[in-house]
Every structure is written in C-alpha cells, then in structure tokens.
Protein backbone atom coordinates (compact mmCIF):
# COMPACT_ATOMS: atom_id res chain seq x y z
CA MET A 1 -4.84 4.23 6.33
CA THR A 2 -5.21 5.34 2.72
CA LEU A 3 -5.26 8.97 1.67
CA PRO A 4 -7.42 9.96 -1.35
CA PRO A 5 -5.69 9.53 -4.72
CA LYS A 6 -4.41 12.76 -6.31
CA ASP A 7 -2.52 14.17 -9.31
CA LEU A 8 -4.64 12.30 -11.86
CA SER A 9 -3.90 12.15 -15.56
CA ILE A 10 -4.75 10.14 -18.67
CA GLN A 11 -1.90 8.23 -20.24
CA VAL A 12 -1.80 6.29 -23.55
CA ILE A 13 1.08 3.83 -23.53
CA ASN A 14 1.57 0.78 -25.79
CA GLY A 15 -2.08 0.77 -26.78
CA GLN A 16 -3.29 1.10 -23.26
CA THR A 17 -5.38 4.01 -22.03
CA ARG A 18 -4.74 4.51 -18.35
CA VAL A 19 -5.84 6.77 -15.56
CA ALA A 20 -2.71 7.40 -13.51
CA PHE A 21 -2.55 8.88 -10.02
CA ASP A 22 -0.52 9.48 -6.90
CA ASN A 23 -1.22 7.15 -3.97
CA GLU A 24 -0.28 7.62 -0.32
CA ILE A 25 -0.63 5.11 2.56
CA GLY A 26 -0.07 6.27 6.13
CA ASN A 27 0.17 4.92 9.64
CA ASP A 28 -2.13 6.70 12.09
CA HIS A 29 -2.22 3.80 14.54
CA THR A 30 -0.56 3.48 17.98
CA GLY A 31 2.37 1.32 16.85
CA PRO A 32 4.65 0.92 13.83
CA LEU A 33 3.94 -1.25 10.85
CA ALA A 34 6.88 -3.61 10.29
CA VAL A 35 7.13 -6.46 7.73
CA PHE A 36 9.97 -8.60 6.46
CA PRO A 37 10.37 -11.59 4.14
CA GLU A 38 10.72 -15.14 5.42
CA LYS A 39 14.12 -16.77 5.27
CA ILE A 40 14.36 -19.49 2.67
CA PRO A 41 15.79 -22.85 3.81
CA ALA A 42 18.76 -24.45 2.13
CA SER A 43 16.40 -26.76 0.24
CA GLY A 44 15.13 -23.76 -1.67
CA ASP A 45 11.92 -21.80 -2.15
CA THR A 46 9.02 -23.94 -3.17
CA ASP A 47 6.17 -21.57 -2.32
CA ASP A 48 4.38 -19.35 -4.82
CA CYS A 49 2.46 -16.91 -2.63
CA ASN A 50 1.54 -14.48 -5.43
CA GLY A 51 0.30 -17.24 -7.69
CA ASP A 52 2.27 -16.28 -10.83
CA GLY A 53 3.63 -19.78 -11.28
CA ILE A 54 7.17 -18.82 -10.26
CA ALA A 55 8.23 -19.88 -6.76
CA THR A 56 11.58 -18.08 -6.61
CA ASN A 57 10.41 -14.48 -7.06
CA ASP A 58 8.33 -14.21 -3.93
CA ARG A 59 8.30 -14.98 -0.21
CA LYS A 60 5.66 -14.97 2.48
CA ALA A 61 5.90 -12.06 4.83
CA TYR A 62 6.14 -11.73 8.60
CA GLN A 63 4.59 -8.87 10.49
CA ARG A 64 6.32 -7.73 13.65
CA VAL A 65 3.88 -6.52 16.36
CA TYR A 66 5.20 -4.67 19.43
CA GLN A 67 3.57 -4.79 22.85
CA ASP A 68 3.17 -1.84 25.14
CA LYS A 69 5.56 -3.02 27.84
CA ASN A 70 5.11 -0.13 30.26
CA ASN A 71 1.32 0.23 29.54
CA ASP A 72 1.52 3.96 28.89
CA GLY A 73 -0.41 3.78 25.60
CA VAL A 74 2.55 5.18 23.60
CA PHE A 75 5.04 3.21 21.62
CA LYS A 76 8.62 3.99 22.60
CA ARG A 77 11.38 2.38 20.58
CA GLY A 78 14.00 0.90 22.88
CA VAL A 79 11.43 0.53 25.69
CA ASP A 80 8.59 -1.45 24.15
CA ASN A 81 10.85 -4.21 22.90
CA LYS A 82 8.56 -7.14 23.60
CA ARG A 83 7.15 -8.32 20.30
CA SER A 84 5.52 -11.17 18.41
CA GLU A 85 5.67 -12.12 14.79
CA ILE A 86 2.67 -12.99 12.69
CA PHE A 87 3.14 -15.39 9.76
CA PRO A 88 2.08 -15.41 7.08
CA ALA A 89 1.08 -11.76 6.84
CA GLY A 90 0.84 -11.48 3.05
CA CYS A 91 3.28 -11.84 0.20
CA MET A 92 6.49 -10.08 -0.74
CA VAL A 93 7.61 -10.07 -4.39
CA PHE A 94 11.20 -9.49 -5.50
CA HIS A 95 11.73 -6.48 -7.74
CA PRO A 96 14.89 -7.21 -9.82
CA ALA A 97 15.49 -3.62 -10.89
CA HIS A 98 15.36 -2.41 -7.33
CA ASP A 99 17.13 -5.49 -5.84
CA HIS A 100 14.71 -5.81 -2.89
CA TRP A 101 11.35 -7.17 -1.90
CA HIS A 102 8.03 -5.34 -2.39
CA PHE A 103 5.06 -6.01 -0.11
CA ASP A 104 1.60 -6.47 -1.67
CA LEU A 105 0.06 -3.42 0.00
CA ALA A 106 -2.59 -1.86 -2.21
CA LYS A 107 -5.34 -2.35 -4.77
CA TYR A 108 -6.89 0.24 -7.08
CA GLU A 109 -10.38 0.03 -8.50
CA LEU A 110 -12.58 2.04 -10.78
CA THR A 111 -16.25 1.57 -9.95
CA GLU A 112 -19.64 2.89 -11.00
CA LEU A 113 -21.14 5.31 -8.48
CA ASP A 114 -23.13 2.48 -6.97
CA GLY A 115 -19.94 0.53 -6.29
CA THR A 116 -20.12 -1.89 -9.26
CA GLY A 117 -16.64 -2.73 -10.43
CA VAL A 118 -15.50 -1.43 -13.84
CA ALA A 119 -11.70 -1.90 -13.82
CA SER A 120 -8.98 -2.88 -11.36
CA SER A 121 -5.21 -2.73 -10.98
CA GLY A 122 -4.86 -6.06 -9.13
CA LYS A 123 -2.33 -6.12 -6.31
CA VAL A 124 0.18 -3.23 -6.20
CA SER A 125 3.42 -3.81 -4.32
CA PHE A 126 5.37 -1.23 -2.35
CA CYS A 127 8.79 -1.00 -0.83
CA ILE A 128 7.32 0.41 2.36
CA ALA A 129 9.28 3.30 3.88
CA ASP A 130 8.84 6.49 5.92
CA VAL A 131 8.57 9.22 3.28
CA TRP A 132 6.29 11.93 4.65
CA HIS A 133 5.64 12.98 8.26
CA PHE A 134 1.96 13.48 7.55
CA ASN A 135 0.75 13.45 11.20
CA PRO A 136 3.63 14.45 13.54
CA GLY A 137 1.26 15.14 16.42
CA LEU A 138 0.44 11.47 16.96
CA PRO A 139 1.81 10.15 20.30
CA GLY A 140 4.98 8.12 19.64
CA SER A 141 5.62 9.58 16.22
CA PRO A 142 9.41 9.91 15.66
CA ASN A 143 10.86 13.17 14.40
CA ALA A 144 13.01 11.38 11.79
CA PRO A 145 12.20 8.44 9.54
CA PHE A 146 13.10 5.04 10.98
CA TYR A 147 12.19 2.82 8.04
CA ASN A 148 14.29 4.58 5.40
CA ARG A 149 15.80 1.86 3.26
CA CYS A 150 14.79 -1.28 1.42
CA ASN A 151 17.70 -3.67 1.19
CA ARG A 152 17.34 -7.25 -0.04
CA ASN A 153 16.25 -8.65 3.32
CA SER A 154 15.60 -5.54 5.38
CA THR A 155 12.54 -4.89 7.53
CA GLN A 156 10.19 -2.47 5.78
CA GLY A 157 7.51 -0.40 7.52
CA LEU A 158 5.83 2.80 8.51
CA SER A 159 6.51 4.64 11.74
CA ILE A 160 3.62 6.20 13.65
CA GLY A 161 2.49 9.38 11.83
CA TRP A 162 4.54 8.63 8.71
CA SER A 163 3.33 7.74 5.21
CA ASP A 164 4.74 6.24 2.01
CA GLU A 165 3.83 7.97 -1.25
CA TYR A 166 4.05 6.51 -4.78
CA PRO A 167 3.73 9.19 -7.46
CA SER A 168 1.80 8.71 -10.69
CA THR A 169 5.04 8.36 -12.64
CA VAL A 170 5.98 5.09 -10.90
CA ALA A 171 5.14 1.77 -12.59
CA GLY A 172 1.85 0.31 -11.46
CA GLN A 173 0.26 3.61 -10.40
CA TYR A 174 -2.59 3.42 -12.82
CA ILE A 175 -5.76 1.57 -13.91
CA VAL A 176 -6.20 0.49 -17.52
CA ILE A 177 -9.50 1.98 -18.81
CA ASN A 178 -9.61 0.64 -22.41
CA GLY A 179 -13.28 0.34 -23.40
CA VAL A 180 -14.55 2.33 -20.39
CA ALA A 181 -17.14 4.86 -21.48
CA ASP A 182 -16.98 8.52 -20.64
CA GLY A 183 -18.86 9.38 -17.49
CA ASP A 184 -18.64 9.78 -13.72
CA TYR A 185 -16.93 7.03 -11.67
CA CYS A 186 -15.32 6.39 -8.29
CA LEU A 187 -11.58 5.81 -8.02
CA VAL A 188 -10.94 3.68 -4.92
CA SER A 189 -7.64 2.93 -3.29
CA THR A 190 -7.46 0.23 -0.64
CA ALA A 191 -4.54 -0.60 1.64
CA ASP A 192 -4.06 -4.20 2.75
CA PRO A 193 -6.93 -5.38 0.51
CA ALA A 194 -6.62 -9.03 1.61
CA ASN A 195 -6.67 -7.97 5.26
CA ASN A 196 -3.41 -9.75 5.93
CA LEU A 197 -2.03 -7.20 8.44
CA GLN A 198 -2.97 -6.91 12.06
CA GLU A 199 -4.27 -3.36 12.68
CA THR A 200 -6.11 -1.54 15.48
CA ASN A 201 -8.43 0.04 12.92
CA ASN A 202 -9.41 -1.27 9.47
CA ASP A 203 -12.12 1.34 8.85
CA ASN A 204 -9.74 3.82 7.12
CA ASN A 205 -8.04 1.42 4.74
CA SER A 206 -10.02 2.67 1.71
CA ALA A 207 -10.35 6.12 0.23
CA ALA A 208 -12.45 7.07 -2.81
CA ILE A 209 -12.79 10.12 -4.97
CA LYS A 210 -15.40 10.88 -7.62
CA ILE A 211 -13.96 11.52 -11.06
CA ARG A 212 -15.22 12.31 -14.55
CA LEU A 213 -13.71 10.69 -17.66
CA ALA A 214 -14.17 12.64 -20.86
CA GLY A 215 -12.04 11.66 -23.86
CA SER A 216 -8.43 12.30 -22.99
CA THR A 217 -9.15 14.15 -19.73
CA VAL A 218 -9.93 13.13 -16.14
CA THR A 219 -11.42 15.60 -13.67
CA VAL A 220 -11.80 15.23 -9.93
CA LEU A 221 -15.32 16.22 -8.92
CA LEU A 222 -15.83 18.10 -5.67
CA SER A 223 -19.35 16.63 -5.18
CA SER A 224 -19.87 13.58 -3.08
CA GLY A 225 -21.33 10.32 -4.37
CA CYS A 226 -18.89 7.48 -3.83
CA PRO A 227 -19.89 4.71 -1.45
C-alpha cells in the first residue's frame, strides 16, 4: 500500500523547479514482501531490464511468496517455510554509491484534477527495508524489523505491518514542474506501478493528495477532488 505523500516543498536545483515530498510504502497484507536479484551466470549479464542501454547495472528480480503451511491465516516465520519464487517480478538497479540493488517500486505523477497527466517522475527505486512499524496490530506482524539491511545480493522486503519511508531530502523524491502553471493539482504516488508483484490486494497501491502550486510555494489542500 501507499500512504499519502507528505512534507512537501518547492526546490530549485540546477535550473529545475521541483516539488519534493516524503513517500512511504507499507505492507498491510497477510504475508511479507520479499524480493532479490537474479544470479548472473558466468557468461555475464546480457539483459537490460530497465531499458537504459546498459546491461550490467540491472538485474531482473525474483519475488518470494510464502504459503500458509498450517492454514491458520497468519504468517509465522519458521513455520510457514513452504514458498515459491516468481520470476521475473520487476527490475533491480545497482546503486553504486550505496553498493546494493534498488527495486523499481514507485512512480510519482502530477495530474490535473480530472486525472490528466502533467508531469511524472518515471520509475523510482527503493532499497526496501522495514523502517516504521506503522500497523503493529496486523496478525503476523513482527515486533522487530526483519528486513533491515541491503547488502549487494541480500533479500529486500517489508514485513507485515511495516513500511519503508523515503524522505524528501533523498534523491529522486520529487517531480520536475518546469513550465507547470500555478493552480490546483493532484500529486499521486503509486507502488508497483507496472503490477509486477503478486499481492492479495492491489486497490491500495495508489494514494493522491490535492495540492496548490503558487509561485515558490506548495500547499496541501484539505478539500477532496482527486480521482
């Protein structure tokens, strides 16, 4: 699921005017989200899953899906060990500065109030990890983070009831709005925009807020109006 964007601001950097914001993606499903990069054969990586023309900086991703072995409706790590792996389940891109893979997890859009697109971020990649225990009351939600590191080939994910938050100060947490006129718009954040991941519910993958752009300011409007 995606929580509504927050902590908005206008930035002007290198000739770009941007609306920057905090984005949070959570897991309110009945099982964990787990993804990891494919292993590259000795012959080398020849795939280019993100389409940037460079085959060596990305890998297709696997998603690990656990089965409810004892049929109690609650995921229990160490008990519900039976699992399957879905491939491909999206694309993972190597982040040299962080020395690990990021998963293409989100897309940000600025639209007119009728849903017409105005500007977009394209794909935004995350190192997915348990950061906030946003819904500890969910059955099967662990008290402590399980996915808490992103090594070069580690499995990334979100435990039940946990979320990953990327603040507005992190690279990529913005939409360029050069040439966008002042006015009221919808800021839309969508998790798994290509629908690569297997989920029990896709209906909460997008969240939108109504905002007003006016010169060098952005204001979140309390009134409804976003589709």
